[in-house]
C-alpha atoms as a PDB file:
ATOM      1  CA  MET A   1       0.028  -0.202  -0.038  1.00  0.00           C
ATOM      2  CA  LEU A   2       1.421   3.413  -0.847  1.00  0.00           C
ATOM      3  CA  ARG A   3       0.713   6.329   0.678  1.00  0.00           C
ATOM      4  CA  THR A   4       1.644   9.691   0.341  1.00  0.00           C
ATOM      5  CA  LEU A   5       2.272  12.321   3.035  1.00  0.00           C
ATOM      6  CA  TRP A   6       0.743  16.129   2.249  1.00  0.00           C
ATOM      7  CA  PRO A   7       2.673  18.943   4.207  1.00  0.00           C
ATOM      8  CA  LEU A   8       1.208  20.236   6.630  1.00  0.00           C
ATOM      9  CA  HIS A   9       0.672  23.458   4.662  1.00  0.00           C
ATOM     10  CA  VAL A  10      -1.780  21.572   2.026  1.00  0.00           C
ATOM     11  CA  HIS A  11      -4.033  20.109   5.268  1.00  0.00           C
ATOM     12  CA  VAL A  12      -3.896  23.899   6.547  1.00  0.00           C
ATOM     13  CA  SER A  13      -4.712  25.140   3.139  1.00  0.00           C
ATOM     14  CA  PHE A  14      -7.468  22.364   2.699  1.00  0.00           C
ATOM     15  CA  LEU A  15      -9.031  22.795   5.905  1.00  0.00           C
ATOM     16  CA  PHE A  16      -8.986  26.545   5.470  1.00  0.00           C
ATOM     17  CA  VAL A  17     -11.244  26.610   1.963  1.00  0.00           C
ATOM     18  CA  LEU A  18     -13.720  24.409   3.415  1.00  0.00           C
ATOM     19  CA  LEU A  19     -13.715  27.273   6.088  1.00  0.00           C
ATOM     20  CA  VAL A  20     -14.493  29.328   3.587  1.00  0.00           C
ATOM     21  CA  LEU A  21     -16.812  27.146   1.616  1.00  0.00           C
ATOM     22  CA  ALA A  22     -18.765  26.501   4.785  1.00  0.00           C
ATOM     23  CA  ILE A  23     -19.032  29.950   5.834  1.00  0.00           C
ATOM     24  CA  GLY A  24     -20.316  31.360   2.420  1.00  0.00           C
ATOM     25  CA  ALA A  25     -22.937  28.382   1.576  1.00  0.00           C
ATOM     26  CA  THR A  26     -24.532  29.739   5.010  1.00  0.00           C
ATOM     27  CA  LEU A  27     -24.164  33.299   4.265  1.00  0.00           C
ATOM     28  CA  GLY A  28     -25.443  32.946   1.132  1.00  0.00           C
ATOM     29  CA  TRP A  29     -28.076  30.647   2.568  1.00  0.00           C
ATOM     30  CA  LEU A  30     -29.270  33.517   5.464  1.00  0.00           C
ATOM     31  CA  GLY A  31     -29.401  36.160   2.369  1.00  0.00           C
ATOM     32  CA  TYR A  32     -31.927  34.203   0.437  1.00  0.00           C
ATOM     33  CA  ASP A  33     -33.712  33.269   3.368  1.00  0.00           C
ATOM     34  CA  THR A  34     -33.925  36.864   4.194  1.00  0.00           C
ATOM     35  CA  ALA A  35     -34.166  38.031   0.970  1.00  0.00           C
ATOM     36  CA  GLU A  36     -36.885  35.755   0.358  1.00  0.00           C
ATOM     37  CA  ARG A  37     -39.285  36.568   3.760  1.00  0.00           C
ATOM     38  CA  ILE A  38     -39.033  40.177   2.769  1.00  0.00           C
ATOM     39  CA  ALA A  39     -40.014  40.018  -1.338  1.00  0.00           C
ATOM     40  CA  GLU A  40     -43.139  37.892   0.021  1.00  0.00           C
ATOM     41  CA  SER A  41     -43.731  40.778   2.712  1.00  0.00           C
ATOM     42  CA  GLU A  42     -44.214  42.600   0.426  1.00  0.00           C
ATOM     43  CA  ALA A  43     -45.982  40.998  -1.862  1.00  0.00           C
ATOM     44  CA  ASP A  44     -48.598  40.829   1.033  1.00  0.00           C
ATOM     45  CA  LYS A  45     -48.207  44.130   1.577  1.00  0.00           C
ATOM     46  CA  LEU A  46     -48.830  44.843  -2.087  1.00  0.00           C
ATOM     47  CA  VAL A  47     -51.582  42.524  -2.461  1.00  0.00           C
ATOM     48  CA  GLU A  48     -53.594  44.054   0.051  1.00  0.00           C
ATOM     49  CA  ARG A  49     -53.140  47.586  -1.089  1.00  0.00           C
ATOM     50  CA  ILE A  50     -54.200  46.991  -4.324  1.00  0.00           C
ATOM     51  CA  GLY A  51     -57.488  44.826  -2.659  1.00  0.00           C
ATOM     52  CA  ARG A  52     -58.285  47.725  -0.872  1.00  0.00           C
ATOM     53  CA  GLU A  53     -58.034  50.619  -3.830  1.00  0.00           C
ATOM     54  CA  THR A  54     -59.716  48.329  -5.841  1.00  0.00           C
ATOM     55  CA  GLY A  55     -62.641  48.224  -3.604  1.00  0.00           C
ATOM     56  CA  LEU A  56     -62.475  51.809  -3.082  1.00  0.00           C
ATOM     57  CA  ASP A  57     -62.582  52.049  -7.084  1.00  0.00           C
ATOM     58  CA  VAL A  58     -65.639  50.361  -7.612  1.00  0.00           C
ATOM     59  CA  ASP A  59     -67.479  52.256  -4.670  1.00  0.00           C
ATOM     60  CA  ARG A  60     -67.048  55.255  -6.432  1.00  0.00           C
ATOM     61  CA  LEU A  61     -68.167  53.767  -9.604  1.00  0.00           C
ATOM     62  CA  ILE A  62     -70.517  51.397  -8.305  1.00  0.00           C
ATOM     63  CA  GLY A  63     -72.083  53.915  -5.738  1.00  0.00           C
ATOM     64  CA  PRO A  64     -73.552  56.531  -7.319  1.00  0.00           C
ATOM     65  CA  ALA A  65     -75.396  54.248  -9.377  1.00  0.00           C
ATOM     66  CA  ALA A  66     -76.476  52.684  -6.926  1.00  0.00           C
ATOM     67  CA  ARG A  67     -77.964  55.741  -4.987  1.00  0.00           C
ATOM     68  CA  ALA A  68     -79.782  57.192  -8.170  1.00  0.00           C
ATOM     69  CA  ALA A  69     -81.462  53.331  -8.531  1.00  0.00           C
ATOM     70  CA  GLU A  70     -82.764  53.538  -5.162  1.00  0.00           C
ATOM     71  CA  ALA A  71     -84.104  56.794  -5.586  1.00  0.00           C
ATOM     72  CA  LEU A  72     -85.913  55.853  -8.492  1.00  0.00           C
ATOM     73  CA  ALA A  73     -87.291  52.763  -6.721  1.00  0.00           C
ATOM     74  CA  PHE A  74     -89.815  55.188  -4.808  1.00  0.00           C
ATOM     75  CA  ASP A  75     -90.447  57.381  -7.731  1.00  0.00           C
ATOM     76  CA  PRO A  76     -93.701  57.830  -9.253  1.00  0.00           C
ATOM     77  CA  LEU A  77     -92.371  57.089 -12.815  1.00  0.00           C
ATOM     78  CA  ALA A  78     -93.014  53.476 -11.457  1.00  0.00           C
ATOM     79  CA  GLU A  79     -96.460  54.136 -11.473  1.00  0.00           C
ATOM     80  CA  ALA A  80     -97.072  55.936 -14.409  1.00  0.00           C
ATOM     81  CA  ASP A  81     -99.751  54.703 -16.855  1.00  0.00           C
ATOM     82  CA  GLY A  82     -99.464  56.344 -20.028  1.00  0.00           C
ATOM     83  CA  HIS A  83     -96.686  57.872 -22.272  1.00  0.00           C
ATOM     84  CA  ASP A  84     -97.252  61.659 -21.307  1.00  0.00           C
ATOM     85  CA  ALA A  85     -97.347  60.765 -17.199  1.00  0.00           C
ATOM     86  CA  ARG A  86     -94.109  58.857 -18.209  1.00  0.00           C
ATOM     87  CA  MET A  87     -92.311  62.123 -19.850  1.00  0.00           C
ATOM     88  CA  GLU A  88     -93.297  63.985 -16.734  1.00  0.00           C
ATOM     89  CA  ARG A  89     -90.289  61.881 -14.983  1.00  0.00           C
ATOM     90  CA  LEU A  90     -87.513  62.689 -17.894  1.00  0.00           C
ATOM     91  CA  PRO A  91     -85.935  65.288 -15.650  1.00  0.00           C
ATOM     92  CA  ALA A  92     -85.696  62.848 -12.835  1.00  0.00           C
ATOM     93  CA  LEU A  93     -84.241  60.222 -14.809  1.00  0.00           C
ATOM     94  CA  ALA A  94     -81.333  62.776 -16.582  1.00  0.00           C
ATOM     95  CA  ASN A  95     -80.711  64.243 -12.818  1.00  0.00           C
ATOM     96  CA  ALA A  96     -80.133  60.106 -12.053  1.00  0.00           C
ATOM     97  CA  LEU A  97     -78.421  59.984 -15.205  1.00  0.00           C
ATOM     98  CA  ARG A  98     -76.114  63.368 -14.433  1.00  0.00           C
ATOM     99  CA  SER A  99     -75.849  61.695 -10.529  1.00  0.00           C
ATOM    100  CA  ALA A 100     -74.465  58.637 -11.797  1.00  0.00           C
ATOM    101  CA  PRO A 101     -71.419  59.437 -14.285  1.00  0.00           C
ATOM    102  CA  ALA A 102     -70.529  55.572 -14.926  1.00  0.00           C
ATOM    103  CA  ALA A 103     -74.197  54.834 -15.655  1.00  0.00           C
ATOM    104  CA  SER A 104     -74.638  55.088 -19.390  1.00  0.00           C
ATOM    105  CA  ALA A 105     -78.800  54.300 -18.977  1.00  0.00           C
ATOM    106  CA  LEU A 106     -81.927  53.330 -17.057  1.00  0.00           C
ATOM    107  CA  TYR A 107     -84.504  51.251 -17.005  1.00  0.00           C
ATOM    108  CA  VAL A 108     -87.885  50.960 -15.856  1.00  0.00           C
ATOM    109  CA  GLY A 109     -90.055  47.911 -16.575  1.00  0.00           C
ATOM    110  CA  TRP A 110     -93.694  47.858 -16.195  1.00  0.00           C
ATOM    111  CA  PRO A 111     -95.845  44.740 -16.443  1.00  0.00           C
ATOM    112  CA  ASP A 112     -97.128  45.217 -19.950  1.00  0.00           C
ATOM    113  CA  GLY A 113     -93.594  45.528 -21.119  1.00  0.00           C
END
């Protein structure tokens, strides 16, 4: 069996390289873990903010139209019999459309269609 002896400085160099690699791997893993947690936290905050802003935007768009529909639900237009009675309520419909910029039309239904 042939056995070669390595000088001491080769052993020390080898152990030093292993130590540097171990420390580098540990620092790399810790950096990755920290960056991942930060990115996940920021993504959660961003999703929450986008959801909140979207909800507010939807409320701003739908709110006026919903209020106009609620106001017209009790308007005498729903009980109007003839064309002349319906035309008298036309300013109320125009006002409801002006108060709800997202609405492009208002519909009123009667039993006869």
